[in-house]
PDB file of N, CA and C in Angstrom:
ATOM      1  N   MET A   1     100.664  92.939  93.541  1.00  0.00           N
ATOM      2  CA  MET A   1      99.892  93.976  92.937  1.00  0.00           C
ATOM      3  C   MET A   1     100.189  95.255  93.702  1.00  0.00           C
ATOM      4  N   VAL A   2     100.446  96.315  92.989  1.00  0.00           N
ATOM      5  CA  VAL A   2     100.717  97.608  93.620  1.00  0.00           C
ATOM      6  C   VAL A   2      99.557  98.553  93.312  1.00  0.00           C
ATOM      7  N   LEU A   3      99.025  99.145  94.364  1.00  0.00           N
ATOM      8  CA  LEU A   3      97.939 100.102  94.248  1.00  0.00           C
ATOM      9  C   LEU A   3      98.465 101.459  94.707  1.00  0.00           C
ATOM     10  N   ILE A   4      98.444 102.437  93.812  1.00  0.00           N
ATOM     11  CA  ILE A   4      98.907 103.780  94.151  1.00  0.00           C
ATOM     12  C   ILE A   4      97.693 104.679  94.317  1.00  0.00           C
ATOM     13  N   SER A   5      97.685 105.406  95.444  1.00  0.00           N
ATOM     14  CA  SER A   5      96.560 106.267  95.792  1.00  0.00           C
ATOM     15  C   SER A   5      97.046 107.699  95.987  1.00  0.00           C
ATOM     16  N   ASP A   6      96.146 108.642  95.810  1.00  0.00           N
ATOM     17  CA  ASP A   6      96.508 110.032  96.076  1.00  0.00           C
ATOM     18  C   ASP A   6      96.595 110.312  97.572  1.00  0.00           C
ATOM     19  N   GLY A   7      96.280 109.327  98.403  1.00  0.00           N
ATOM     20  CA  GLY A   7      96.403 109.473  99.844  1.00  0.00           C
ATOM     21  C   GLY A   7      95.244 110.158 100.516  1.00  0.00           C
ATOM     22  N   THR A   8      94.274 110.603  99.745  1.00  0.00           N
ATOM     23  CA  THR A   8      93.103 111.257 100.310  1.00  0.00           C
ATOM     24  C   THR A   8      92.213 110.210 100.959  1.00  0.00           C
ATOM     25  N   ASP A   9      91.805 110.486 102.169  1.00  0.00           N
ATOM     26  CA  ASP A   9      90.931 109.566 102.880  1.00  0.00           C
ATOM     27  C   ASP A   9      89.502 109.813 102.427  1.00  0.00           C
ATOM     28  N   THR A  10      89.066 109.034 101.460  1.00  0.00           N
ATOM     29  CA  THR A  10      87.706 109.155 100.937  1.00  0.00           C
ATOM     30  C   THR A  10      86.922 107.911 101.295  1.00  0.00           C
ATOM     31  N   ARG A  11      87.143 107.469 102.494  1.00  0.00           N
ATOM     32  CA  ARG A  11      86.524 106.237 102.958  1.00  0.00           C
ATOM     33  C   ARG A  11      85.021 106.277 102.738  1.00  0.00           C
ATOM     34  N   GLY A  12      84.557 105.299 102.042  1.00  0.00           N
ATOM     35  CA  GLY A  12      83.128 105.190 101.795  1.00  0.00           C
ATOM     36  C   GLY A  12      82.463 104.440 102.928  1.00  0.00           C
ATOM     37  N   ASP A  13      81.582 103.587 102.581  1.00  0.00           N
ATOM     38  CA  ASP A  13      80.833 102.778 103.532  1.00  0.00           C
ATOM     39  C   ASP A  13      81.768 101.771 104.209  1.00  0.00           C
ATOM     40  N   ALA A  14      81.784 101.778 105.539  1.00  0.00           N
ATOM     41  CA  ALA A  14      82.648 100.867 106.294  1.00  0.00           C
ATOM     42  C   ALA A  14      82.317  99.409 105.984  1.00  0.00           C
ATOM     43  N   GLU A  15      81.063  99.118 105.742  1.00  0.00           N
ATOM     44  CA  GLU A  15      80.673  97.734 105.444  1.00  0.00           C
ATOM     45  C   GLU A  15      81.253  97.283 104.110  1.00  0.00           C
ATOM     46  N   ASP A  16      81.338  98.189 103.132  1.00  0.00           N
ATOM     47  CA  ASP A  16      81.951  97.835 101.849  1.00  0.00           C
ATOM     48  C   ASP A  16      83.415  97.467 102.037  1.00  0.00           C
ATOM     49  N   LEU A  17      84.140  98.233 102.852  1.00  0.00           N
ATOM     50  CA  LEU A  17      85.538  97.933 103.125  1.00  0.00           C
ATOM     51  C   LEU A  17      85.655  96.603 103.852  1.00  0.00           C
ATOM     52  N   ASN A  18      84.815  96.376 104.842  1.00  0.00           N
ATOM     53  CA  ASN A  18      84.844  95.113 105.581  1.00  0.00           C
ATOM     54  C   ASN A  18      84.592  93.930 104.657  1.00  0.00           C
ATOM     55  N   GLU A  19      83.652  94.085 103.737  1.00  0.00           N
ATOM     56  CA  GLU A  19      83.355  93.011 102.786  1.00  0.00           C
ATOM     57  C   GLU A  19      84.546  92.759 101.864  1.00  0.00           C
ATOM     58  N   LEU A  20      85.183  93.831 101.400  1.00  0.00           N
ATOM     59  CA  LEU A  20      86.361  93.684 100.546  1.00  0.00           C
ATOM     60  C   LEU A  20      87.474  92.951 101.283  1.00  0.00           C
ATOM     61  N   VAL A  21      87.739  93.342 102.516  1.00  0.00           N
ATOM     62  CA  VAL A  21      88.793  92.697 103.307  1.00  0.00           C
ATOM     63  C   VAL A  21      88.477  91.222 103.527  1.00  0.00           C
ATOM     64  N   ARG A  22      87.226  90.914 103.855  1.00  0.00           N
ATOM     65  CA  ARG A  22      86.822  89.504 104.035  1.00  0.00           C
ATOM     66  C   ARG A  22      87.038  88.714 102.757  1.00  0.00           C
ATOM     67  N   THR A  23      86.631  89.286 101.630  1.00  0.00           N
ATOM     68  CA  THR A  23      86.778  88.606 100.341  1.00  0.00           C
ATOM     69  C   THR A  23      88.242  88.384 100.004  1.00  0.00           C
ATOM     70  N   LEU A  24      89.073  89.386 100.220  1.00  0.00           N
ATOM     71  CA  LEU A  24      90.501  89.239  99.940  1.00  0.00           C
ATOM     72  C   LEU A  24      91.107  88.114 100.774  1.00  0.00           C
ATOM     73  N   LYS A  25      90.733  88.038 102.043  1.00  0.00           N
ATOM     74  CA  LYS A  25      91.251  86.980 102.909  1.00  0.00           C
ATOM     75  C   LYS A  25      90.765  85.608 102.455  1.00  0.00           C
ATOM     76  N   GLN A  26      89.492  85.503 102.090  1.00  0.00           N
ATOM     77  CA  GLN A  26      88.921  84.226 101.670  1.00  0.00           C
ATOM     78  C   GLN A  26      89.504  83.735 100.353  1.00  0.00           C
ATOM     79  N   GLU A  27      89.816  84.658  99.461  1.00  0.00           N
ATOM     80  CA  GLU A  27      90.279  84.294  98.125  1.00  0.00           C
ATOM     81  C   GLU A  27      91.777  84.015  98.053  1.00  0.00           C
ATOM     82  N   GLN A  28      92.499  84.259  99.135  1.00  0.00           N
ATOM     83  CA  GLN A  28      93.945  84.035  99.118  1.00  0.00           C
ATOM     84  C   GLN A  28      94.251  82.562  98.872  1.00  0.00           C
ATOM     85  N   ASP A  29      95.154  82.318  97.960  1.00  0.00           N
ATOM     86  CA  ASP A  29      95.642  80.974  97.671  1.00  0.00           C
ATOM     87  C   ASP A  29      97.015  80.854  98.308  1.00  0.00           C
ATOM     88  N   ARG A  30      97.138  80.021  99.325  1.00  0.00           N
ATOM     89  CA  ARG A  30      98.405  79.893 100.043  1.00  0.00           C
ATOM     90  C   ARG A  30      99.536  79.410  99.136  1.00  0.00           C
ATOM     91  N   GLU A  31      99.193  78.682  98.115  1.00  0.00           N
ATOM     92  CA  GLU A  31     100.198  78.162  97.175  1.00  0.00           C
ATOM     93  C   GLU A  31     100.681  79.254  96.211  1.00  0.00           C
ATOM     94  N   LYS A  32      99.782  80.156  95.851  1.00  0.00           N
ATOM     95  CA  LYS A  32     100.101  81.231  94.909  1.00  0.00           C
ATOM     96  C   LYS A  32      99.539  82.553  95.437  1.00  0.00           C
ATOM     97  N   PRO A  33     100.134  83.085  96.488  1.00  0.00           N
ATOM     98  CA  PRO A  33      99.578  84.315  97.086  1.00  0.00           C
ATOM     99  C   PRO A  33      99.740  85.520  96.157  1.00  0.00           C
ATOM    100  N   VAL A  34      98.773  86.393  96.236  1.00  0.00           N
ATOM    101  CA  VAL A  34      98.835  87.681  95.549  1.00  0.00           C
ATOM    102  C   VAL A  34      98.819  88.744  96.647  1.00  0.00           C
ATOM    103  N   TYR A  35      99.921  89.459  96.759  1.00  0.00           N
ATOM    104  CA  TYR A  35     100.044  90.497  97.772  1.00  0.00           C
ATOM    105  C   TYR A  35      99.634  91.835  97.182  1.00  0.00           C
ATOM    106  N   ILE A  36      98.892  92.597  97.950  1.00  0.00           N
ATOM    107  CA  ILE A  36      98.551  93.950  97.540  1.00  0.00           C
ATOM    108  C   ILE A  36      99.410  94.895  98.374  1.00  0.00           C
ATOM    109  N   VAL A  37     100.189  95.717  97.689  1.00  0.00           N
ATOM    110  CA  VAL A  37     101.013  96.729  98.329  1.00  0.00           C
ATOM    111  C   VAL A  37     100.421  98.077  97.950  1.00  0.00           C
ATOM    112  N   THR A  38     100.137  98.895  98.954  1.00  0.00           N
ATOM    113  CA  THR A  38      99.549 100.202  98.675  1.00  0.00           C
ATOM    114  C   THR A  38     100.589 101.295  98.911  1.00  0.00           C
ATOM    115  N   LEU A  39     100.589 102.264  98.011  1.00  0.00           N
ATOM    116  CA  LEU A  39     101.459 103.435  98.109  1.00  0.00           C
ATOM    117  C   LEU A  39     100.567 104.670  98.076  1.00  0.00           C
ATOM    118  N   ALA A  40     100.622 105.458  99.131  1.00  0.00           N
ATOM    119  CA  ALA A  40      99.798 106.667  99.210  1.00  0.00           C
ATOM    120  C   ALA A  40     100.688 107.895  99.077  1.00  0.00           C
ATOM    121  N   ILE A  41     100.299 108.796  98.210  1.00  0.00           N
ATOM    122  CA  ILE A  41     101.039 110.041  98.037  1.00  0.00           C
ATOM    123  C   ILE A  41     100.527 111.023  99.087  1.00  0.00           C
ATOM    124  N   THR A  42     101.213 111.026 100.227  1.00  0.00           N
ATOM    125  CA  THR A  42     100.827 111.870 101.349  1.00  0.00           C
ATOM    126  C   THR A  42     102.016 112.009 102.289  1.00  0.00           C
ATOM    127  N   ASP A  43     102.062 113.102 103.025  1.00  0.00           N
ATOM    128  CA  ASP A  43     103.154 113.312 103.969  1.00  0.00           C
ATOM    129  C   ASP A  43     102.984 112.498 105.248  1.00  0.00           C
ATOM    130  N   GLY A  44     101.780 112.115 105.543  1.00  0.00           N
ATOM    131  CA  GLY A  44     101.522 111.389 106.784  1.00  0.00           C
ATOM    132  C   GLY A  44     101.560 109.886 106.570  1.00  0.00           C
ATOM    133  N   GLU A  45     100.886 109.212 107.453  1.00  0.00           N
ATOM    134  CA  GLU A  45     100.739 107.759 107.358  1.00  0.00           C
ATOM    135  C   GLU A  45      99.760 107.411 106.244  1.00  0.00           C
ATOM    136  N   PRO A  46      99.881 106.202 105.690  1.00  0.00           N
ATOM    137  CA  PRO A  46      98.875 105.782 104.709  1.00  0.00           C
ATOM    138  C   PRO A  46      97.495 105.729 105.378  1.00  0.00           C
ATOM    139  N   PRO A  47      96.446 106.039 104.631  1.00  0.00           N
ATOM    140  CA  PRO A  47      95.098 105.943 105.199  1.00  0.00           C
ATOM    141  C   PRO A  47      94.809 104.530 105.719  1.00  0.00           C
ATOM    142  N   GLN A  48      94.027 104.459 106.775  1.00  0.00           N
ATOM    143  CA  GLN A  48      93.726 103.180 107.425  1.00  0.00           C
ATOM    144  C   GLN A  48      93.099 102.172 106.457  1.00  0.00           C
ATOM    145  N   ASP A  49      92.241 102.634 105.550  1.00  0.00           N
ATOM    146  CA  ASP A  49      91.601 101.682 104.641  1.00  0.00           C
ATOM    147  C   ASP A  49      92.632 101.022 103.725  1.00  0.00           C
ATOM    148  N   LEU A  50      93.657 101.762 103.301  1.00  0.00           N
ATOM    149  CA  LEU A  50      94.709 101.158 102.474  1.00  0.00           C
ATOM    150  C   LEU A  50      95.503 100.135 103.276  1.00  0.00           C
ATOM    151  N   LYS A  51      95.769 100.440 104.541  1.00  0.00           N
ATOM    152  CA  LYS A  51      96.472  99.495 105.408  1.00  0.00           C
ATOM    153  C   LYS A  51      95.681  98.197 105.538  1.00  0.00           C
ATOM    154  N   GLU A  52      94.385  98.323 105.739  1.00  0.00           N
ATOM    155  CA  GLU A  52      93.542  97.144 105.915  1.00  0.00           C
ATOM    156  C   GLU A  52      93.525  96.284 104.651  1.00  0.00           C
ATOM    157  N   ILE A  53      93.461  96.918 103.503  1.00  0.00           N
ATOM    158  CA  ILE A  53      93.447  96.184 102.235  1.00  0.00           C
ATOM    159  C   ILE A  53      94.752  95.415 102.057  1.00  0.00           C
ATOM    160  N   SER A  54      95.883  96.070 102.261  1.00  0.00           N
ATOM    161  CA  SER A  54      97.144  95.372 102.056  1.00  0.00           C
ATOM    162  C   SER A  54      97.384  94.300 103.111  1.00  0.00           C
ATOM    163  N   GLU A  55      97.045  94.580 104.357  1.00  0.00           N
ATOM    164  CA  GLU A  55      97.236  93.590 105.415  1.00  0.00           C
ATOM    165  C   GLU A  55      96.403  92.334 105.174  1.00  0.00           C
ATOM    166  N   ALA A  56      95.247  92.482 104.560  1.00  0.00           N
ATOM    167  CA  ALA A  56      94.384  91.328 104.289  1.00  0.00           C
ATOM    168  C   ALA A  56      95.060  90.321 103.362  1.00  0.00           C
ATOM    169  N   THR A  57      96.024  90.775 102.579  1.00  0.00           N
ATOM    170  CA  THR A  57      96.694  89.885 101.623  1.00  0.00           C
ATOM    171  C   THR A  57      98.128  89.562 102.028  1.00  0.00           C
ATOM    172  N   GLY A  58      98.563  90.082 103.168  1.00  0.00           N
ATOM    173  CA  GLY A  58      99.950  89.885 103.577  1.00  0.00           C
ATOM    174  C   GLY A  58     100.882  90.913 102.975  1.00  0.00           C
ATOM    175  N   GLY A  59     100.309  91.914 102.316  1.00  0.00           N
ATOM    176  CA  GLY A  59     101.105  92.973 101.709  1.00  0.00           C
ATOM    177  C   GLY A  59     101.420  94.067 102.706  1.00  0.00           C
ATOM    178  N   THR A  60     101.963  95.146 102.213  1.00  0.00           N
ATOM    179  CA  THR A  60     102.353  96.258 103.068  1.00  0.00           C
ATOM    180  C   THR A  60     101.782  97.562 102.518  1.00  0.00           C
ATOM    181  N   SER A  61     101.783  98.584 103.367  1.00  0.00           N
ATOM    182  CA  SER A  61     101.247  99.884 102.994  1.00  0.00           C
ATOM    183  C   SER A  61     102.291 100.944 103.301  1.00  0.00           C
ATOM    184  N   HIS A  62     102.497 101.860 102.362  1.00  0.00           N
ATOM    185  CA  HIS A  62     103.535 102.885 102.498  1.00  0.00           C
ATOM    186  C   HIS A  62     102.982 104.237 102.079  1.00  0.00           C
ATOM    187  N   ALA A  63     103.682 105.287 102.534  1.00  0.00           N
ATOM    188  CA  ALA A  63     103.307 106.648 102.150  1.00  0.00           C
ATOM    189  C   ALA A  63     104.568 107.429 101.834  1.00  0.00           C
ATOM    190  N   GLY A  64     104.417 108.396 100.961  1.00  0.00           N
ATOM    191  CA  GLY A  64     105.520 109.285 100.620  1.00  0.00           C
ATOM    192  C   GLY A  64     104.961 110.609 100.146  1.00  0.00           C
ATOM    193  N   GLY A  65     105.637 111.675 100.525  1.00  0.00           N
ATOM    194  CA  GLY A  65     105.138 113.001 100.187  1.00  0.00           C
ATOM    195  C   GLY A  65     105.625 113.546  98.865  1.00  0.00           C
ATOM    196  N   SER A  66     106.562 112.830  98.229  1.00  0.00           N
ATOM    197  CA  SER A  66     107.093 113.311  96.953  1.00  0.00           C
ATOM    198  C   SER A  66     107.210 112.152  95.974  1.00  0.00           C
ATOM    199  N   LEU A  67     107.386 112.492  94.732  1.00  0.00           N
ATOM    200  CA  LEU A  67     107.560 111.466  93.704  1.00  0.00           C
ATOM    201  C   LEU A  67     108.780 110.610  94.015  1.00  0.00           C
ATOM    202  N   GLN A  68     109.842 111.219  94.481  1.00  0.00           N
ATOM    203  CA  GLN A  68     111.049 110.468  94.820  1.00  0.00           C
ATOM    204  C   GLN A  68     110.771 109.479  95.957  1.00  0.00           C
ATOM    205  N   ASP A  69     110.021 109.910  96.985  1.00  0.00           N
ATOM    206  CA  ASP A  69     109.657 109.007  98.083  1.00  0.00           C
ATOM    207  C   ASP A  69     108.888 107.798  97.560  1.00  0.00           C
ATOM    208  N   ILE A  70     107.916 108.053  96.704  1.00  0.00           N
ATOM    209  CA  ILE A  70     107.096 106.969  96.160  1.00  0.00           C
ATOM    210  C   ILE A  70     107.959 106.030  95.313  1.00  0.00           C
ATOM    211  N   GLN A  71     108.837 106.572  94.492  1.00  0.00           N
ATOM    212  CA  GLN A  71     109.719 105.740  93.670  1.00  0.00           C
ATOM    213  C   GLN A  71     110.598 104.852  94.542  1.00  0.00           C
ATOM    214  N   GLU A  72     111.167 105.417  95.609  1.00  0.00           N
ATOM    215  CA  GLU A  72     112.017 104.636  96.508  1.00  0.00           C
ATOM    216  C   GLU A  72     111.235 103.517  97.175  1.00  0.00           C
ATOM    217  N   ARG A  73     110.033 103.810  97.627  1.00  0.00           N
ATOM    218  CA  ARG A  73     109.215 102.784  98.281  1.00  0.00           C
ATOM    219  C   ARG A  73     108.773 101.715  97.281  1.00  0.00           C
ATOM    220  N   TYR A  74     108.476 102.135  96.066  1.00  0.00           N
ATOM    221  CA  TYR A  74     108.089 101.183  95.024  1.00  0.00           C
ATOM    222  C   TYR A  74     109.256 100.238  94.713  1.00  0.00           C
ATOM    223  N   LEU A  75     110.443 100.783  94.535  1.00  0.00           N
ATOM    224  CA  LEU A  75     111.609  99.946  94.244  1.00  0.00           C
ATOM    225  C   LEU A  75     111.930  99.026  95.418  1.00  0.00           C
ATOM    226  N   HIS A  76     111.780  99.534  96.630  1.00  0.00           N
ATOM    227  CA  HIS A  76     111.991  98.690  97.811  1.00  0.00           C
ATOM    228  C   HIS A  76     110.991  97.535  97.828  1.00  0.00           C
ATOM    229  N   THR A  77     109.741  97.856  97.513  1.00  0.00           N
ATOM    230  CA  THR A  77     108.693  96.827  97.496  1.00  0.00           C
ATOM    231  C   THR A  77     109.015  95.742  96.489  1.00  0.00           C
ATOM    232  N   LEU A  78     109.472  96.126  95.318  1.00  0.00           N
ATOM    233  CA  LEU A  78     109.833  95.135  94.294  1.00  0.00           C
ATOM    234  C   LEU A  78     110.960  94.225  94.777  1.00  0.00           C
ATOM    235  N   SER A  79     111.867  94.766  95.540  1.00  0.00           N
ATOM    236  CA  SER A  79     112.991  93.955  96.013  1.00  0.00           C
ATOM    237  C   SER A  79     112.596  92.986  97.131  1.00  0.00           C
ATOM    238  N   VAL A  80     111.530  93.295  97.850  1.00  0.00           N
ATOM    239  CA  VAL A  80     111.098  92.458  98.975  1.00  0.00           C
ATOM    240  C   VAL A  80     110.269  91.264  98.505  1.00  0.00           C
ATOM    241  N   PHE A  81     109.400  91.496  97.543  1.00  0.00           N
ATOM    242  CA  PHE A  81     108.516  90.427  97.083  1.00  0.00           C
ATOM    243  C   PHE A  81     109.138  89.821  95.892  1.00  0.00           C
TER     244      PHE A  81
END
Protein backbone atom coordinates (compact mmCIF):
# COMPACT_ATOMS: atom_id res chain seq x y z
CA MET A 1 0.00 0.00 0.00
CA VAL A 2 1.39 3.40 -0.92
CA LEU A 3 0.41 6.46 1.08
CA ILE A 4 1.28 9.83 -0.44
CA SER A 5 1.35 12.85 1.86
CA ASP A 6 1.90 16.54 1.33
CA GLY A 7 4.72 16.21 3.87
CA THR A 8 3.21 18.68 6.30
CA ASP A 9 3.70 17.63 9.88
CA THR A 10 0.15 17.83 11.18
CA ARG A 11 0.71 15.34 13.92
CA GLY A 12 -2.40 14.99 15.96
CA ASP A 13 -2.70 13.22 19.26
CA ALA A 14 0.39 11.10 20.00
CA GLU A 15 -1.80 8.43 21.58
CA ASP A 16 -3.80 8.07 18.35
CA LEU A 17 -0.57 7.46 16.42
CA ASN A 18 0.64 4.98 19.04
CA GLU A 19 -2.67 3.11 18.83
CA LEU A 20 -2.48 3.01 15.03
CA VAL A 21 1.08 1.66 15.11
CA ARG A 22 0.11 -0.99 17.69
CA THR A 23 -2.88 -2.04 15.59
CA LEU A 24 -0.82 -2.25 12.41
CA LYS A 25 1.74 -4.47 14.15
CA GLN A 26 -0.94 -6.71 15.68
CA GLU A 27 -2.85 -7.11 12.42
CA GLN A 28 0.17 -8.11 10.33
CA ASP A 29 -0.21 -11.53 8.75
CA ARG A 30 3.25 -13.06 8.36
CA GLU A 31 1.96 -15.28 5.56
CA LYS A 32 0.43 -12.38 3.61
CA PRO A 33 2.10 -9.15 4.75
CA VAL A 34 0.77 -5.78 3.68
CA TYR A 35 3.52 -3.18 3.60
CA ILE A 36 2.75 0.49 3.89
CA VAL A 37 5.16 2.71 1.98
CA THR A 38 4.86 6.43 2.61
CA LEU A 39 5.92 9.15 0.17
CA ALA A 40 6.06 12.71 1.47
CA ILE A 41 6.24 15.68 -0.87
CA THR A 42 8.87 17.67 1.00
CA ASP A 43 12.49 18.71 0.59
CA GLY A 44 13.48 17.32 3.97
CA GLU A 45 13.09 13.98 5.64
CA PRO A 46 9.68 12.32 5.78
CA PRO A 47 7.74 13.32 8.91
CA GLN A 48 8.36 11.03 11.88
CA ASP A 49 4.73 9.88 12.04
CA LEU A 50 4.91 8.60 8.45
CA LYS A 51 8.13 6.74 9.28
CA GLU A 52 6.48 5.10 12.28
CA ILE A 53 3.46 4.00 10.24
CA SER A 54 5.54 2.41 7.50
CA GLU A 55 8.04 0.82 9.88
CA ALA A 56 5.17 -0.83 11.78
CA THR A 57 4.39 -2.87 8.66
CA GLY A 58 7.93 -3.47 7.42
CA GLY A 59 7.49 -0.80 4.77
CA THR A 60 9.64 2.20 4.02
CA SER A 61 9.25 5.97 4.09
CA HIS A 62 10.57 8.38 1.46
CA ALA A 63 10.52 12.08 0.66
CA GLY A 64 10.95 14.10 -2.49
CA GLY A 65 10.74 17.79 -3.21
CA SER A 66 9.46 17.51 -6.77
CA LEU A 67 7.04 15.45 -8.78
CA GLN A 68 9.98 13.78 -10.52
CA ASP A 69 11.51 12.81 -7.14
CA ILE A 70 8.23 11.28 -6.00
CA GLN A 71 7.80 9.39 -9.30
CA GLU A 72 11.33 7.97 -9.04
CA ARG A 73 10.79 6.85 -5.45
CA TYR A 74 7.40 5.37 -6.31
CA LEU A 75 8.86 3.37 -9.21
CA HIS A 76 11.75 2.24 -7.02
CA THR A 77 9.28 1.11 -4.36
CA LEU A 78 7.33 -0.94 -6.89
CA SER A 79 10.51 -2.69 -7.96
CA VAL A 80 11.50 -3.59 -4.38
CA PHE A 81 8.23 -5.11 -3.21
